[in-house]
Amino acid sequence: MPPGEPDQITNCAVYPYDGELVVELTGVDDEGVIVVVSYQFEAPDDRPAVEPKGPVDPEHVPHVRDGLAENGYEWNGRSEA
C-alpha cells in the first residue's frame, strides 16, 4: 500500500455534502495510524443510481459499493470518471 492508504478498512460512512454524496472509508495503515479516504459521487435527482466524480481505488470498490447500498444507493462498481 502507498503511504497514507489504509491496509484494513474498519468503517464506511456515506453522507450528503454540498450537493453531492461523500463516501468516507476509515481504516488503519500498516503502522496502526488511522487513515481516512474520501470519494465524491454525483448527487442523485430522486434516483438511487450514483456515479463517482473521480476514480475509485479498485481495492476500495467493494467497501464503497456496500456502503452506498446500505444507504439506499446503487453503484455498479465501475469508475469511468
N, C-alpha and C. Protein backbone atom coordinates (compact mmCIF):
# COMPACT_ATOMS: atom_id res chain seq x y z
N MET A 1 0.83 -1.19 0.00
CA MET A 1 0.00 0.00 0.00
C MET A 1 0.88 1.26 0.00
N PRO A 2 0.49 2.26 -0.78
CA PRO A 2 1.21 3.53 -0.73
C PRO A 2 1.02 4.20 0.63
N PRO A 3 1.94 5.08 1.03
CA PRO A 3 1.77 5.79 2.31
C PRO A 3 0.43 6.51 2.36
N GLY A 4 -0.19 6.50 3.51
CA GLY A 4 -1.48 7.17 3.67
C GLY A 4 -2.67 6.36 3.22
N GLU A 5 -2.46 5.12 2.80
CA GLU A 5 -3.55 4.24 2.38
C GLU A 5 -3.82 3.23 3.49
N PRO A 6 -5.09 2.99 3.78
CA PRO A 6 -5.40 2.00 4.82
C PRO A 6 -5.12 0.58 4.37
N ASP A 7 -4.49 -0.21 5.24
CA ASP A 7 -4.30 -1.63 4.99
C ASP A 7 -5.57 -2.39 5.31
N GLN A 8 -6.32 -1.87 6.27
CA GLN A 8 -7.54 -2.53 6.73
C GLN A 8 -8.63 -1.48 6.86
N ILE A 9 -9.77 -1.68 6.18
CA ILE A 9 -10.92 -0.77 6.27
C ILE A 9 -11.74 -1.18 7.49
N THR A 10 -12.04 -0.22 8.37
CA THR A 10 -12.79 -0.53 9.57
C THR A 10 -14.18 0.10 9.59
N ASN A 11 -14.43 1.10 8.71
CA ASN A 11 -15.73 1.75 8.71
C ASN A 11 -15.96 2.44 7.37
N CYS A 12 -17.23 2.55 7.00
CA CYS A 12 -17.63 3.28 5.80
C CYS A 12 -18.81 4.17 6.18
N ALA A 13 -18.71 5.46 5.85
CA ALA A 13 -19.79 6.40 6.11
C ALA A 13 -20.17 7.07 4.80
N VAL A 14 -21.47 7.27 4.59
CA VAL A 14 -21.99 7.94 3.39
C VAL A 14 -22.88 9.08 3.85
N TYR A 15 -22.61 10.28 3.32
CA TYR A 15 -23.45 11.40 3.70
C TYR A 15 -23.49 12.45 2.60
N PRO A 16 -24.61 13.19 2.53
CA PRO A 16 -24.70 14.28 1.56
C PRO A 16 -23.86 15.46 2.03
N TYR A 17 -23.24 16.12 1.07
CA TYR A 17 -22.45 17.30 1.40
C TYR A 17 -22.40 18.22 0.19
N ASP A 18 -22.94 19.40 0.33
CA ASP A 18 -22.85 20.44 -0.69
C ASP A 18 -23.26 19.95 -2.08
N GLY A 19 -24.41 19.30 -2.17
CA GLY A 19 -24.96 18.88 -3.45
C GLY A 19 -24.37 17.61 -4.03
N GLU A 20 -23.65 16.85 -3.22
CA GLU A 20 -23.09 15.59 -3.68
C GLU A 20 -23.13 14.58 -2.53
N LEU A 21 -22.69 13.37 -2.83
CA LEU A 21 -22.53 12.37 -1.77
C LEU A 21 -21.05 12.18 -1.51
N VAL A 22 -20.70 12.03 -0.25
CA VAL A 22 -19.32 11.75 0.13
C VAL A 22 -19.31 10.37 0.79
N VAL A 23 -18.40 9.53 0.32
CA VAL A 23 -18.19 8.21 0.93
C VAL A 23 -16.82 8.26 1.59
N GLU A 24 -16.79 8.05 2.89
CA GLU A 24 -15.54 8.05 3.64
C GLU A 24 -15.24 6.65 4.16
N LEU A 25 -14.07 6.17 3.82
CA LEU A 25 -13.59 4.90 4.35
C LEU A 25 -12.57 5.21 5.42
N THR A 26 -12.76 4.62 6.58
CA THR A 26 -11.82 4.77 7.68
C THR A 26 -11.13 3.45 7.89
N GLY A 27 -9.84 3.51 8.16
CA GLY A 27 -9.08 2.30 8.39
C GLY A 27 -7.79 2.60 9.09
N VAL A 28 -6.91 1.62 9.13
CA VAL A 28 -5.60 1.79 9.73
C VAL A 28 -4.54 1.35 8.73
N ASP A 29 -3.39 2.03 8.77
CA ASP A 29 -2.31 1.64 7.88
C ASP A 29 -1.44 0.59 8.58
N ASP A 30 -0.34 0.22 7.93
CA ASP A 30 0.50 -0.85 8.46
C ASP A 30 1.21 -0.48 9.76
N GLU A 31 1.17 0.82 10.13
CA GLU A 31 1.76 1.26 11.39
C GLU A 31 0.70 1.51 12.46
N GLY A 32 -0.56 1.21 12.14
CA GLY A 32 -1.64 1.41 13.10
C GLY A 32 -2.19 2.81 13.15
N VAL A 33 -1.80 3.65 12.19
CA VAL A 33 -2.27 5.02 12.14
C VAL A 33 -3.63 5.06 11.44
N ILE A 34 -4.56 5.81 12.01
CA ILE A 34 -5.90 5.93 11.41
C ILE A 34 -5.80 6.75 10.13
N VAL A 35 -6.44 6.23 9.08
CA VAL A 35 -6.41 6.86 7.76
C VAL A 35 -7.85 6.98 7.26
N VAL A 36 -8.17 8.12 6.64
CA VAL A 36 -9.49 8.33 6.05
C VAL A 36 -9.30 8.61 4.56
N VAL A 37 -10.07 7.91 3.73
CA VAL A 37 -10.07 8.11 2.28
C VAL A 37 -11.49 8.50 1.88
N SER A 38 -11.63 9.57 1.11
CA SER A 38 -12.95 10.04 0.69
C SER A 38 -13.12 9.94 -0.81
N TYR A 39 -14.36 9.65 -1.20
CA TYR A 39 -14.74 9.63 -2.61
C TYR A 39 -16.01 10.46 -2.77
N GLN A 40 -16.07 11.25 -3.83
CA GLN A 40 -17.23 12.07 -4.11
C GLN A 40 -18.06 11.43 -5.21
N PHE A 41 -19.39 11.50 -5.03
CA PHE A 41 -20.33 10.96 -6.02
C PHE A 41 -21.32 12.04 -6.39
N GLU A 42 -21.74 12.00 -7.66
CA GLU A 42 -22.79 12.90 -8.11
C GLU A 42 -24.04 12.63 -7.29
N ALA A 43 -24.67 13.67 -6.80
CA ALA A 43 -25.90 13.52 -6.01
C ALA A 43 -27.05 13.17 -6.94
N PRO A 44 -27.82 12.16 -6.58
CA PRO A 44 -28.94 11.77 -7.45
C PRO A 44 -30.10 12.77 -7.38
N ASP A 45 -30.83 12.85 -8.48
CA ASP A 45 -32.06 13.64 -8.52
C ASP A 45 -33.21 12.68 -8.33
N ASP A 46 -33.49 12.33 -7.08
CA ASP A 46 -34.55 11.37 -6.75
C ASP A 46 -34.33 10.02 -7.42
N ARG A 47 -33.08 9.67 -7.69
CA ARG A 47 -32.73 8.37 -8.26
C ARG A 47 -31.71 7.71 -7.34
N PRO A 48 -31.78 6.40 -7.18
CA PRO A 48 -30.81 5.74 -6.31
C PRO A 48 -29.46 5.50 -6.98
N ALA A 49 -29.39 5.53 -8.33
CA ALA A 49 -28.13 5.26 -9.03
C ALA A 49 -27.21 6.47 -8.93
N VAL A 50 -25.95 6.23 -8.56
CA VAL A 50 -24.96 7.29 -8.41
C VAL A 50 -23.72 6.94 -9.22
N GLU A 51 -22.94 7.96 -9.56
CA GLU A 51 -21.68 7.79 -10.28
C GLU A 51 -20.59 8.60 -9.59
N PRO A 52 -19.38 8.05 -9.53
CA PRO A 52 -18.30 8.78 -8.88
C PRO A 52 -17.85 9.99 -9.69
N LYS A 53 -17.35 11.00 -9.00
CA LYS A 53 -16.81 12.18 -9.66
C LYS A 53 -15.36 11.98 -10.07
N GLY A 54 -14.75 10.92 -9.60
CA GLY A 54 -13.37 10.61 -9.93
C GLY A 54 -13.13 9.12 -9.76
N PRO A 55 -11.92 8.67 -10.01
CA PRO A 55 -11.62 7.24 -9.89
C PRO A 55 -11.71 6.74 -8.45
N VAL A 56 -12.13 5.50 -8.31
CA VAL A 56 -12.18 4.82 -7.00
C VAL A 56 -11.14 3.71 -7.04
N ASP A 57 -10.28 3.69 -6.04
CA ASP A 57 -9.24 2.66 -5.96
C ASP A 57 -9.90 1.29 -6.05
N PRO A 58 -9.43 0.42 -6.96
CA PRO A 58 -10.05 -0.90 -7.11
C PRO A 58 -10.15 -1.70 -5.81
N GLU A 59 -9.21 -1.52 -4.89
CA GLU A 59 -9.27 -2.23 -3.61
C GLU A 59 -10.37 -1.70 -2.71
N HIS A 60 -10.83 -0.47 -2.98
CA HIS A 60 -11.87 0.14 -2.16
C HIS A 60 -13.27 -0.08 -2.72
N VAL A 61 -13.36 -0.52 -3.98
CA VAL A 61 -14.66 -0.65 -4.65
C VAL A 61 -15.67 -1.46 -3.83
N PRO A 62 -15.33 -2.65 -3.32
CA PRO A 62 -16.34 -3.40 -2.56
C PRO A 62 -16.85 -2.65 -1.33
N HIS A 63 -15.96 -1.95 -0.64
CA HIS A 63 -16.37 -1.21 0.56
C HIS A 63 -17.27 -0.03 0.20
N VAL A 64 -16.89 0.68 -0.86
CA VAL A 64 -17.69 1.84 -1.30
C VAL A 64 -19.05 1.37 -1.80
N ARG A 65 -19.06 0.34 -2.65
CA ARG A 65 -20.33 -0.18 -3.20
C ARG A 65 -21.25 -0.65 -2.08
N ASP A 66 -20.71 -1.40 -1.10
CA ASP A 66 -21.53 -1.89 0.01
C ASP A 66 -22.04 -0.75 0.88
N GLY A 67 -21.18 0.24 1.14
CA GLY A 67 -21.61 1.39 1.94
C GLY A 67 -22.73 2.17 1.27
N LEU A 68 -22.60 2.36 -0.04
CA LEU A 68 -23.68 3.04 -0.77
C LEU A 68 -24.96 2.23 -0.71
N ALA A 69 -24.86 0.91 -0.93
CA ALA A 69 -26.05 0.04 -0.91
C ALA A 69 -26.74 0.08 0.45
N GLU A 70 -25.97 0.08 1.51
CA GLU A 70 -26.55 0.12 2.87
C GLU A 70 -27.30 1.42 3.12
N ASN A 71 -26.99 2.46 2.32
CA ASN A 71 -27.65 3.75 2.48
C ASN A 71 -28.66 4.03 1.38
N GLY A 72 -29.02 2.98 0.62
CA GLY A 72 -30.09 3.11 -0.38
C GLY A 72 -29.65 3.58 -1.75
N TYR A 73 -28.35 3.56 -2.03
CA TYR A 73 -27.84 3.99 -3.34
C TYR A 73 -27.31 2.79 -4.11
N GLU A 74 -27.28 2.94 -5.43
CA GLU A 74 -26.77 1.89 -6.30
C GLU A 74 -25.58 2.42 -7.09
N TRP A 75 -24.52 1.63 -7.11
CA TRP A 75 -23.36 1.92 -7.95
C TRP A 75 -22.84 0.60 -8.47
N ASN A 76 -22.54 0.55 -9.76
CA ASN A 76 -22.12 -0.71 -10.37
C ASN A 76 -20.67 -1.08 -10.06
N GLY A 77 -19.94 -0.18 -9.40
CA GLY A 77 -18.57 -0.50 -9.02
C GLY A 77 -17.56 -0.17 -10.08
N ARG A 78 -17.99 0.40 -11.18
CA ARG A 78 -17.05 0.81 -12.22
C ARG A 78 -16.77 2.29 -12.11
N SER A 79 -15.54 2.64 -12.27
CA SER A 79 -15.11 4.03 -12.16
C SER A 79 -14.58 4.50 -13.50
N GLU A 80 -15.43 5.08 -14.32
CA GLU A 80 -15.01 5.55 -15.61
C GLU A 80 -14.67 7.04 -15.59
N ALA A 81 -14.80 7.65 -14.45
CA ALA A 81 -14.55 9.09 -14.36
C ALA A 81 -13.07 9.39 -14.42
